């Protein structure tokens, strides 16, 4: 579950044709989470995720650094939200290319 900040990222990518290009160009993406920093001392909790993203195209592979931060709000657990948190104020801090190489 997430607030409007996540929906805003989705809409931005939709408007830029991101999802259509992924399908049309047969692109695969892999995200490997390196670590998650979680501050449980202050509510709402702050979470920062450090990850690597690989974008696999037919002829090239692009690796990116991916750092995001958000607030976690307690909410009811359900089948659709078993962790019992809602993401608020999602922010992509870094999503820069690290390397691009031929397949």
PDB file of N, CA and C in Angstrom:
ATOM      1  N   UNK A   1       0.843  -1.171   0.000  1.00  0.00           N
ATOM      2  CA  UNK A   1       0.000   0.000   0.000  1.00  0.00           C
ATOM      3  C   UNK A   1       0.890   1.237   0.000  1.00  0.00           C
ATOM      4  N   UNK A   2       0.451   2.244  -0.699  1.00  0.00           N
ATOM      5  CA  UNK A   2       1.235   3.473  -0.803  1.00  0.00           C
ATOM      6  C   UNK A   2       0.305   4.668  -0.984  1.00  0.00           C
ATOM      7  N   UNK A   3       0.833   5.830  -0.671  1.00  0.00           N
ATOM      8  CA  UNK A   3       0.063   7.057  -0.830  1.00  0.00           C
ATOM      9  C   UNK A   3       0.225   7.616  -2.239  1.00  0.00           C
ATOM     10  N   UNK A   4      -0.185   8.846  -2.423  1.00  0.00           N
ATOM     11  CA  UNK A   4      -0.179   9.497  -3.725  1.00  0.00           C
ATOM     12  C   UNK A   4       1.227   9.645  -4.302  1.00  0.00           C
ATOM     13  N   UNK A   5       2.266   9.689  -3.460  1.00  0.00           N
ATOM     14  CA  UNK A   5       3.632   9.866  -3.968  1.00  0.00           C
ATOM     15  C   UNK A   5       4.032   8.715  -4.892  1.00  0.00           C
ATOM     16  N   UNK A   6       3.657   7.489  -4.557  1.00  0.00           N
ATOM     17  CA  UNK A   6       3.953   6.347  -5.423  1.00  0.00           C
ATOM     18  C   UNK A   6       3.131   6.418  -6.706  1.00  0.00           C
ATOM     19  N   UNK A   7       1.884   6.835  -6.592  1.00  0.00           N
ATOM     20  CA  UNK A   7       1.026   6.984  -7.767  1.00  0.00           C
ATOM     21  C   UNK A   7       1.577   8.055  -8.702  1.00  0.00           C
ATOM     22  N   UNK A   8       2.156   9.113  -8.144  1.00  0.00           N
ATOM     23  CA  UNK A   8       2.739  10.168  -8.970  1.00  0.00           C
ATOM     24  C   UNK A   8       3.902   9.637  -9.805  1.00  0.00           C
ATOM     25  N   UNK A   9       4.760   8.779  -9.216  1.00  0.00           N
ATOM     26  CA  UNK A   9       5.844   8.169  -9.987  1.00  0.00           C
ATOM     27  C   UNK A   9       5.279   7.288 -11.094  1.00  0.00           C
ATOM     28  N   UNK A  10       4.255   6.510 -10.767  1.00  0.00           N
ATOM     29  CA  UNK A  10       3.622   5.643 -11.760  1.00  0.00           C
ATOM     30  C   UNK A  10       3.071   6.471 -12.927  1.00  0.00           C
ATOM     31  N   UNK A  11       2.343   7.540 -12.614  1.00  0.00           N
ATOM     32  CA  UNK A  11       1.743   8.371 -13.664  1.00  0.00           C
ATOM     33  C   UNK A  11       2.806   9.054 -14.520  1.00  0.00           C
ATOM     34  N   UNK A  12       3.885   9.505 -13.895  1.00  0.00           N
ATOM     35  CA  UNK A  12       4.973  10.136 -14.634  1.00  0.00           C
ATOM     36  C   UNK A  12       5.580   9.167 -15.644  1.00  0.00           C
ATOM     37  N   UNK A  13       5.853   7.932 -15.200  1.00  0.00           N
ATOM     38  CA  UNK A  13       6.406   6.923 -16.106  1.00  0.00           C
ATOM     39  C   UNK A  13       5.410   6.542 -17.193  1.00  0.00           C
ATOM     40  N   UNK A  14       4.137   6.493 -16.846  1.00  0.00           N
ATOM     41  CA  UNK A  14       3.098   6.190 -17.823  1.00  0.00           C
ATOM     42  C   UNK A  14       3.040   7.268 -18.906  1.00  0.00           C
ATOM     43  N   UNK A  15       3.084   8.525 -18.493  1.00  0.00           N
ATOM     44  CA  UNK A  15       3.036   9.637 -19.451  1.00  0.00           C
ATOM     45  C   UNK A  15       4.242   9.653 -20.379  1.00  0.00           C
ATOM     46  N   UNK A  16       5.385   9.222 -19.878  1.00  0.00           N
ATOM     47  CA  UNK A  16       6.606   9.197 -20.688  1.00  0.00           C
ATOM     48  C   UNK A  16       6.655   7.969 -21.605  1.00  0.00           C
ATOM     49  N   UNK A  17       5.661   7.102 -21.518  1.00  0.00           N
ATOM     50  CA  UNK A  17       5.620   5.913 -22.352  1.00  0.00           C
ATOM     51  C   UNK A  17       6.543   4.797 -21.889  1.00  0.00           C
ATOM     52  N   UNK A  18       6.978   4.861 -20.643  1.00  0.00           N
ATOM     53  CA  UNK A  18       7.924   3.894 -20.094  1.00  0.00           C
ATOM     54  C   UNK A  18       7.409   2.457 -20.208  1.00  0.00           C
ATOM     55  N   UNK A  19       6.190   2.220 -19.788  1.00  0.00           N
ATOM     56  CA  UNK A  19       5.649   0.856 -19.770  1.00  0.00           C
ATOM     57  C   UNK A  19       5.449   0.322 -21.186  1.00  0.00           C
ATOM     58  N   UNK A  20       4.989   1.156 -22.096  1.00  0.00           N
ATOM     59  CA  UNK A  20       4.823   0.731 -23.484  1.00  0.00           C
ATOM     60  C   UNK A  20       6.168   0.387 -24.124  1.00  0.00           C
ATOM     61  N   UNK A  21       7.205   1.174 -23.827  1.00  0.00           N
ATOM     62  CA  UNK A  21       8.544   0.898 -24.378  1.00  0.00           C
ATOM     63  C   UNK A  21       9.115  -0.404 -23.823  1.00  0.00           C
ATOM     64  N   UNK A  22       8.866  -0.666 -22.564  1.00  0.00           N
ATOM     65  CA  UNK A  22       9.363  -1.921 -21.969  1.00  0.00           C
ATOM     66  C   UNK A  22       8.761  -3.115 -22.697  1.00  0.00           C
ATOM     67  N   UNK A  23       7.470  -3.041 -22.971  1.00  0.00           N
ATOM     68  CA  UNK A  23       6.798  -4.140 -23.664  1.00  0.00           C
ATOM     69  C   UNK A  23       7.241  -4.213 -25.118  1.00  0.00           C
ATOM     70  N   UNK A  24       7.242  -3.090 -25.826  1.00  0.00           N
ATOM     71  CA  UNK A  24       7.576  -3.068 -27.249  1.00  0.00           C
ATOM     72  C   UNK A  24       9.022  -3.485 -27.511  1.00  0.00           C
ATOM     73  N   UNK A  25       9.935  -3.096 -26.638  1.00  0.00           N
ATOM     74  CA  UNK A  25      11.353  -3.399 -26.845  1.00  0.00           C
ATOM     75  C   UNK A  25      11.795  -4.680 -26.150  1.00  0.00           C
ATOM     76  N   UNK A  26      10.850  -5.398 -25.526  1.00  0.00           N
ATOM     77  CA  UNK A  26      11.150  -6.653 -24.849  1.00  0.00           C
ATOM     78  C   UNK A  26      12.269  -6.475 -23.812  1.00  0.00           C
ATOM     79  N   UNK A  27      12.109  -5.490 -22.956  1.00  0.00           N
ATOM     80  CA  UNK A  27      13.099  -5.159 -21.938  1.00  0.00           C
ATOM     81  C   UNK A  27      12.759  -5.892 -20.648  1.00  0.00           C
ATOM     82  N   UNK A  28      13.785  -6.426 -19.995  1.00  0.00           N
ATOM     83  CA  UNK A  28      13.643  -7.031 -18.676  1.00  0.00           C
ATOM     84  C   UNK A  28      14.386  -6.171 -17.669  1.00  0.00           C
ATOM     85  N   UNK A  29      13.859  -6.112 -16.466  1.00  0.00           N
ATOM     86  CA  UNK A  29      14.531  -5.379 -15.402  1.00  0.00           C
ATOM     87  C   UNK A  29      14.707  -6.288 -14.197  1.00  0.00           C
ATOM     88  N   UNK A  30      15.847  -6.168 -13.582  1.00  0.00           N
ATOM     89  CA  UNK A  30      16.133  -6.884 -12.346  1.00  0.00           C
ATOM     90  C   UNK A  30      16.523  -5.860 -11.294  1.00  0.00           C
ATOM     91  N   UNK A  31      15.969  -5.992 -10.112  1.00  0.00           N
ATOM     92  CA  UNK A  31      16.348  -5.118  -9.007  1.00  0.00           C
ATOM     93  C   UNK A  31      16.846  -6.006  -7.877  1.00  0.00           C
ATOM     94  N   UNK A  32      18.088  -5.765  -7.459  1.00  0.00           N
ATOM     95  CA  UNK A  32      18.690  -6.516  -6.353  1.00  0.00           C
ATOM     96  C   UNK A  32      18.901  -5.543  -5.197  1.00  0.00           C
ATOM     97  N   UNK A  33      18.220  -5.769  -4.101  1.00  0.00           N
ATOM     98  CA  UNK A  33      18.338  -4.899  -2.936  1.00  0.00           C
ATOM     99  C   UNK A  33      19.628  -5.236  -2.196  1.00  0.00           C
ATOM    100  N   UNK A  34      20.469  -4.216  -2.026  1.00  0.00           N
ATOM    101  CA  UNK A  34      21.712  -4.391  -1.267  1.00  0.00           C
ATOM    102  C   UNK A  34      21.429  -4.334   0.226  1.00  0.00           C
ATOM    103  N   UNK A  35      20.675  -3.317   0.646  1.00  0.00           N
ATOM    104  CA  UNK A  35      20.369  -3.178   2.071  1.00  0.00           C
ATOM    105  C   UNK A  35      19.190  -2.231   2.257  1.00  0.00           C
ATOM    106  N   UNK A  36      18.618  -2.316   3.446  1.00  0.00           N
ATOM    107  CA  UNK A  36      17.525  -1.430   3.836  1.00  0.00           C
ATOM    108  C   UNK A  36      17.867  -0.868   5.205  1.00  0.00           C
ATOM    109  N   UNK A  37      17.806   0.445   5.313  1.00  0.00           N
ATOM    110  CA  UNK A  37      18.037   1.113   6.587  1.00  0.00           C
ATOM    111  C   UNK A  37      16.688   1.542   7.128  1.00  0.00           C
ATOM    112  N   UNK A  38      16.381   1.120   8.357  1.00  0.00           N
ATOM    113  CA  UNK A  38      15.075   1.392   8.938  1.00  0.00           C
ATOM    114  C   UNK A  38      15.267   2.048  10.299  1.00  0.00           C
ATOM    115  N   UNK A  39      14.698   3.234  10.482  1.00  0.00           N
ATOM    116  CA  UNK A  39      14.777   3.938  11.756  1.00  0.00           C
ATOM    117  C   UNK A  39      13.466   3.731  12.501  1.00  0.00           C
ATOM    118  N   UNK A  40      13.512   2.913  13.555  1.00  0.00           N
ATOM    119  CA  UNK A  40      12.317   2.603  14.333  1.00  0.00           C
ATOM    120  C   UNK A  40      12.208   3.460  15.593  1.00  0.00           C
ATOM    121  N   UNK A  41      13.111   4.433  15.759  1.00  0.00           N
ATOM    122  CA  UNK A  41      13.105   5.261  16.973  1.00  0.00           C
ATOM    123  C   UNK A  41      12.067   6.369  16.918  1.00  0.00           C
ATOM    124  N   UNK A  42      11.697   6.815  15.711  1.00  0.00           N
ATOM    125  CA  UNK A  42      10.728   7.893  15.564  1.00  0.00           C
ATOM    126  C   UNK A  42       9.624   7.460  14.612  1.00  0.00           C
ATOM    127  N   UNK A  43       8.379   7.758  15.005  1.00  0.00           N
ATOM    128  CA  UNK A  43       7.240   7.422  14.161  1.00  0.00           C
ATOM    129  C   UNK A  43       6.787   8.672  13.436  1.00  0.00           C
ATOM    130  N   UNK A  44       6.452   8.655  12.180  1.00  0.00           N
ATOM    131  CA  UNK A  44       6.476   7.489  11.294  1.00  0.00           C
ATOM    132  C   UNK A  44       7.904   7.048  11.010  1.00  0.00           C
ATOM    133  N   UNK A  45       8.056   5.760  10.817  1.00  0.00           N
ATOM    134  CA  UNK A  45       9.374   5.172  10.592  1.00  0.00           C
ATOM    135  C   UNK A  45       9.928   5.613   9.239  1.00  0.00           C
ATOM    136  N   UNK A  46      11.238   5.800   9.180  1.00  0.00           N
ATOM    137  CA  UNK A  46      11.904   6.167   7.936  1.00  0.00           C
ATOM    138  C   UNK A  46      12.644   4.951   7.399  1.00  0.00           C
ATOM    139  N   UNK A  47      12.444   4.659   6.123  1.00  0.00           N
ATOM    140  CA  UNK A  47      13.130   3.541   5.474  1.00  0.00           C
ATOM    141  C   UNK A  47      13.892   4.061   4.261  1.00  0.00           C
ATOM    142  N   UNK A  48      15.126   3.604   4.120  1.00  0.00           N
ATOM    143  CA  UNK A  48      15.932   3.913   2.953  1.00  0.00           C
ATOM    144  C   UNK A  48      16.384   2.601   2.349  1.00  0.00           C
ATOM    145  N   UNK A  49      16.178   2.447   1.058  1.00  0.00           N
ATOM    146  CA  UNK A  49      16.537   1.221   0.351  1.00  0.00           C
ATOM    147  C   UNK A  49      17.684   1.516  -0.611  1.00  0.00           C
ATOM    148  N   UNK A  50      18.698   0.662  -0.564  1.00  0.00           N
ATOM    149  CA  UNK A  50      19.855   0.752  -1.463  1.00  0.00           C
ATOM    150  C   UNK A  50      19.829  -0.472  -2.362  1.00  0.00           C
ATOM    151  N   UNK A  51      19.800  -0.247  -3.663  1.00  0.00           N
ATOM    152  CA  UNK A  51      19.654  -1.369  -4.593  1.00  0.00           C
ATOM    153  C   UNK A  51      20.431  -1.109  -5.880  1.00  0.00           C
ATOM    154  N   UNK A  52      20.572  -2.175  -6.668  1.00  0.00           N
ATOM    155  CA  UNK A  52      21.121  -2.108  -8.021  1.00  0.00           C
ATOM    156  C   UNK A  52      20.035  -2.542  -8.981  1.00  0.00           C
ATOM    157  N   UNK A  53      19.949  -1.837 -10.075  1.00  0.00           N
ATOM    158  CA  UNK A  53      18.951  -2.138 -11.093  1.00  0.00           C
ATOM    159  C   UNK A  53      19.691  -2.511 -12.374  1.00  0.00           C
ATOM    160  N   UNK A  54      19.293  -3.614 -12.991  1.00  0.00           N
ATOM    161  CA  UNK A  54      19.815  -4.007 -14.300  1.00  0.00           C
ATOM    162  C   UNK A  54      18.680  -3.934 -15.302  1.00  0.00           C
ATOM    163  N   UNK A  55      18.940  -3.235 -16.389  1.00  0.00           N
ATOM    164  CA  UNK A  55      17.967  -3.132 -17.473  1.00  0.00           C
ATOM    165  C   UNK A  55      18.535  -3.915 -18.645  1.00  0.00           C
ATOM    166  N   UNK A  56      17.883  -5.027 -18.965  1.00  0.00           N
ATOM    167  CA  UNK A  56      18.369  -5.946 -19.988  1.00  0.00           C
ATOM    168  C   UNK A  56      17.610  -5.706 -21.288  1.00  0.00           C
ATOM    169  N   UNK A  57      18.317  -5.154 -22.259  1.00  0.00           N
ATOM    170  CA  UNK A  57      17.759  -4.959 -23.599  1.00  0.00           C
ATOM    171  C   UNK A  57      18.356  -6.018 -24.515  1.00  0.00           C
ATOM    172  N   UNK A  58      17.843  -6.078 -25.727  1.00  0.00           N
ATOM    173  CA  UNK A  58      18.294  -7.107 -26.662  1.00  0.00           C
ATOM    174  C   UNK A  58      19.797  -7.006 -26.932  1.00  0.00           C
ATOM    175  N   UNK A  59      20.331  -5.795 -27.028  1.00  0.00           N
ATOM    176  CA  UNK A  59      21.742  -5.646 -27.385  1.00  0.00           C
ATOM    177  C   UNK A  59      22.621  -5.099 -26.263  1.00  0.00           C
ATOM    178  N   UNK A  60      22.025  -4.501 -25.227  1.00  0.00           N
ATOM    179  CA  UNK A  60      22.829  -3.913 -24.153  1.00  0.00           C
ATOM    180  C   UNK A  60      22.256  -4.217 -22.778  1.00  0.00           C
ATOM    181  N   UNK A  61      23.105  -4.046 -21.772  1.00  0.00           N
ATOM    182  CA  UNK A  61      22.708  -4.129 -20.369  1.00  0.00           C
ATOM    183  C   UNK A  61      23.133  -2.820 -19.714  1.00  0.00           C
ATOM    184  N   UNK A  62      22.214  -2.201 -19.007  1.00  0.00           N
ATOM    185  CA  UNK A  62      22.516  -0.977 -18.264  1.00  0.00           C
ATOM    186  C   UNK A  62      22.359  -1.271 -16.782  1.00  0.00           C
ATOM    187  N   UNK A  63      23.373  -0.914 -16.012  1.00  0.00           N
ATOM    188  CA  UNK A  63      23.302  -1.049 -14.559  1.00  0.00           C
ATOM    189  C   UNK A  63      23.125   0.328 -13.955  1.00  0.00           C
ATOM    190  N   UNK A  64      22.244   0.406 -12.960  1.00  0.00           N
ATOM    191  CA  UNK A  64      21.966   1.673 -12.291  1.00  0.00           C
ATOM    192  C   UNK A  64      22.032   1.505 -10.783  1.00  0.00           C
ATOM    193  N   UNK A  65      22.397   2.570 -10.128  1.00  0.00           N
ATOM    194  CA  UNK A  65      22.307   2.670  -8.692  1.00  0.00           C
ATOM    195  C   UNK A  65      20.882   3.107  -8.376  1.00  0.00           C
ATOM    196  N   UNK A  66      20.262   2.554  -7.352  1.00  0.00           N
ATOM    197  CA  UNK A  66      18.895   2.928  -7.007  1.00  0.00           C
ATOM    198  C   UNK A  66      18.802   3.122  -5.503  1.00  0.00           C
ATOM    199  N   UNK A  67      18.506   4.345  -5.094  1.00  0.00           N
ATOM    200  CA  UNK A  67      18.331   4.656  -3.681  1.00  0.00           C
ATOM    201  C   UNK A  67      16.977   5.340  -3.530  1.00  0.00           C
ATOM    202  N   UNK A  68      16.148   4.808  -2.639  1.00  0.00           N
ATOM    203  CA  UNK A  68      14.833   5.393  -2.371  1.00  0.00           C
ATOM    204  C   UNK A  68      14.668   5.588  -0.869  1.00  0.00           C
ATOM    205  N   UNK A  69      13.794   6.504  -0.524  1.00  0.00           N
ATOM    206  CA  UNK A  69      13.457   6.709   0.877  1.00  0.00           C
ATOM    207  C   UNK A  69      11.947   6.905   0.989  1.00  0.00           C
ATOM    208  N   UNK A  70      11.425   6.586   2.155  1.00  0.00           N
ATOM    209  CA  UNK A  70       9.990   6.759   2.387  1.00  0.00           C
ATOM    210  C   UNK A  70       9.719   6.735   3.888  1.00  0.00           C
ATOM    211  N   UNK A  71       8.502   7.044   4.237  1.00  0.00           N
ATOM    212  CA  UNK A  71       7.995   6.898   5.606  1.00  0.00           C
ATOM    213  C   UNK A  71       7.085   5.677   5.622  1.00  0.00           C
ATOM    214  N   UNK A  72       7.095   4.949   6.720  1.00  0.00           N
ATOM    215  CA  UNK A  72       6.216   3.796   6.886  1.00  0.00           C
ATOM    216  C   UNK A  72       5.212   4.091   7.992  1.00  0.00           C
ATOM    217  N   UNK A  73       3.941   3.945   7.663  1.00  0.00           N
ATOM    218  CA  UNK A  73       2.845   4.209   8.587  1.00  0.00           C
ATOM    219  C   UNK A  73       2.187   2.875   8.934  1.00  0.00           C
ATOM    220  N   UNK A  74       1.939   2.646  10.223  1.00  0.00           N
ATOM    221  CA  UNK A  74       1.227   1.436  10.640  1.00  0.00           C
ATOM    222  C   UNK A  74      -0.189   1.446  10.077  1.00  0.00           C
ATOM    223  N   UNK A  75      -0.619   0.293   9.589  1.00  0.00           N
ATOM    224  CA  UNK A  75      -1.980   0.135   9.092  1.00  0.00           C
ATOM    225  C   UNK A  75      -2.417  -1.294   9.384  1.00  0.00           C
ATOM    226  N   UNK A  76      -3.638  -1.609   9.095  1.00  0.00           N
ATOM    227  CA  UNK A  76      -4.135  -2.953   9.356  1.00  0.00           C
ATOM    228  C   UNK A  76      -3.509  -3.965   8.403  1.00  0.00           C
ATOM    229  N   UNK A  77      -3.221  -5.131   8.922  1.00  0.00           N
ATOM    230  CA  UNK A  77      -2.732  -6.228   8.078  1.00  0.00           C
ATOM    231  C   UNK A  77      -3.914  -6.854   7.358  1.00  0.00           C
ATOM    232  N   UNK A  78      -3.628  -7.300   6.137  1.00  0.00           N
ATOM    233  CA  UNK A  78      -4.659  -7.970   5.350  1.00  0.00           C
ATOM    234  C   UNK A  78      -3.951  -8.909   4.373  1.00  0.00           C
ATOM    235  N   UNK A  79      -4.724  -9.643   3.597  1.00  0.00           N
ATOM    236  CA  UNK A  79      -4.135 -10.509   2.583  1.00  0.00           C
ATOM    237  C   UNK A  79      -3.365  -9.690   1.550  1.00  0.00           C
ATOM    238  N   UNK A  80      -3.844  -8.478   1.266  1.00  0.00           N
ATOM    239  CA  UNK A  80      -3.183  -7.608   0.299  1.00  0.00           C
ATOM    240  C   UNK A  80      -2.072  -6.764   0.916  1.00  0.00           C
ATOM    241  N   UNK A  81      -1.982  -6.727   2.234  1.00  0.00           N
ATOM    242  CA  UNK A  81      -0.975  -5.929   2.935  1.00  0.00           C
ATOM    243  C   UNK A  81      -0.512  -6.678   4.185  1.00  0.00           C
ATOM    244  N   UNK A  82       0.163  -7.830   4.017  1.00  0.00           N
ATOM    245  CA  UNK A  82       0.518  -8.658   5.163  1.00  0.00           C
ATOM    246  C   UNK A  82       1.542  -8.031   6.110  1.00  0.00           C
ATOM    247  N   UNK A  83       2.339  -7.060   5.630  1.00  0.00           N
ATOM    248  CA  UNK A  83       3.337  -6.446   6.489  1.00  0.00           C
ATOM    249  C   UNK A  83       2.727  -5.394   7.423  1.00  0.00           C
ATOM    250  N   UNK A  84       1.567  -4.872   7.089  1.00  0.00           N
ATOM    251  CA  UNK A  84       0.888  -3.918   7.951  1.00  0.00           C
ATOM    252  C   UNK A  84       1.438  -2.515   7.900  1.00  0.00           C
ATOM    253  N   UNK A  85       2.056  -2.119   6.790  1.00  0.00           N
ATOM    254  CA  UNK A  85       2.573  -0.760   6.638  1.00  0.00           C
ATOM    255  C   UNK A  85       2.046  -0.134   5.359  1.00  0.00           C
ATOM    256  N   UNK A  86       1.970   1.200   5.374  1.00  0.00           N
ATOM    257  CA  UNK A  86       1.680   1.942   4.166  1.00  0.00           C
ATOM    258  C   UNK A  86       2.867   2.861   3.893  1.00  0.00           C
ATOM    259  N   UNK A  87       3.284   2.929   2.629  1.00  0.00           N
ATOM    260  CA  UNK A  87       4.388   3.790   2.217  1.00  0.00           C
ATOM    261  C   UNK A  87       3.852   5.201   2.015  1.00  0.00           C
ATOM    262  N   UNK A  88       4.551   6.175   2.619  1.00  0.00           N
ATOM    263  CA  UNK A  88       4.225   7.581   2.417  1.00  0.00           C
ATOM    264  C   UNK A  88       5.468   8.319   1.970  1.00  0.00           C
ATOM    265  N   UNK A  89       5.273   9.366   1.212  1.00  0.00           N
ATOM    266  CA  UNK A  89       6.370  10.258   0.795  1.00  0.00           C
ATOM    267  C   UNK A  89       7.515   9.508   0.121  1.00  0.00           C
ATOM    268  N   UNK A  90       7.187   8.622  -0.792  1.00  0.00           N
ATOM    269  CA  UNK A  90       8.216   7.904  -1.545  1.00  0.00           C
ATOM    270  C   UNK A  90       9.032   8.897  -2.362  1.00  0.00           C
ATOM    271  N   UNK A  91      10.352   8.758  -2.288  1.00  0.00           N
ATOM    272  CA  UNK A  91      11.237   9.656  -3.012  1.00  0.00           C
ATOM    273  C   UNK A  91      12.395   8.848  -3.578  1.00  0.00           C
ATOM    274  N   UNK A  92      12.628   8.972  -4.878  1.00  0.00           N
ATOM    275  CA  UNK A  92      13.791   8.344  -5.502  1.00  0.00           C
ATOM    276  C   UNK A  92      14.943   9.328  -5.384  1.00  0.00           C
ATOM    277  N   UNK A  93      15.922   8.969  -4.594  1.00  0.00           N
ATOM    278  CA  UNK A  93      17.057   9.849  -4.333  1.00  0.00           C
ATOM    279  C   UNK A  93      18.095   9.744  -5.439  1.00  0.00           C
ATOM    280  N   UNK A  94      18.359   8.533  -5.895  1.00  0.00           N
ATOM    281  CA  UNK A  94      19.386   8.317  -6.913  1.00  0.00           C
ATOM    282  C   UNK A  94      18.948   7.188  -7.831  1.00  0.00           C
ATOM    283  N   UNK A  95      19.102   7.395  -9.124  1.00  0.00           N
ATOM    284  CA  UNK A  95      18.822   6.358 -10.115  1.00  0.00           C
ATOM    285  C   UNK A  95      19.723   6.602 -11.320  1.00  0.00           C
ATOM    286  N   UNK A  96      21.019   6.769 -11.042  1.00  0.00           N
ATOM    287  CA  UNK A  96      21.995   7.090 -12.091  1.00  0.00           C
ATOM    288  C   UNK A  96      22.586   5.821 -12.708  1.00  0.00           C
ATOM    289  N   UNK A  97      22.898   5.931 -14.007  1.00  0.00           N
ATOM    290  CA  UNK A  97      23.578   4.839 -14.682  1.00  0.00           C
ATOM    291  C   UNK A  97      24.971   4.652 -14.096  1.00  0.00           C
ATOM    292  N   UNK A  98      25.340   3.390 -13.856  1.00  0.00           N
ATOM    293  CA  UNK A  98      26.692   3.045 -13.410  1.00  0.00           C
ATOM    294  C   UNK A  98      27.519   2.588 -14.596  1.00  0.00           C
ATOM    295  N   UNK A  99      26.905   1.730 -15.417  1.00  0.00           N
ATOM    296  CA  UNK A  99      27.623   1.191 -16.576  1.00  0.00           C
ATOM    297  C   UNK A  99      26.626   0.693 -17.615  1.00  0.00           C
ATOM    298  N   UNK A 100      27.060   0.726 -18.874  1.00  0.00           N
ATOM    299  CA  UNK A 100      26.310   0.133 -19.974  1.00  0.00           C
ATOM    300  C   UNK A 100      27.298  -0.672 -20.789  1.00  0.00           C
ATOM    301  N   UNK A 101      26.916  -1.901 -21.107  1.00  0.00           N
ATOM    302  CA  UNK A 101      27.795  -2.754 -21.903  1.00  0.00           C
ATOM    303  C   UNK A 101      26.977  -3.627 -22.831  1.00  0.00           C
ATOM    304  N   UNK A 102      27.659  -4.116 -23.878  1.00  0.00           N
ATOM    305  CA  UNK A 102      26.999  -4.969 -24.869  1.00  0.00           C
ATOM    306  C   UNK A 102      26.731  -6.345 -24.297  1.00  0.00           C
ATOM    307  N   UNK A 103      25.653  -6.958 -24.792  1.00  0.00           N
ATOM    308  CA  UNK A 103      25.311  -8.324 -24.364  1.00  0.00           C
ATOM    309  C   UNK A 103      26.084  -9.333 -25.160  1.00  0.00           C
TER     310      UNK A 103
END
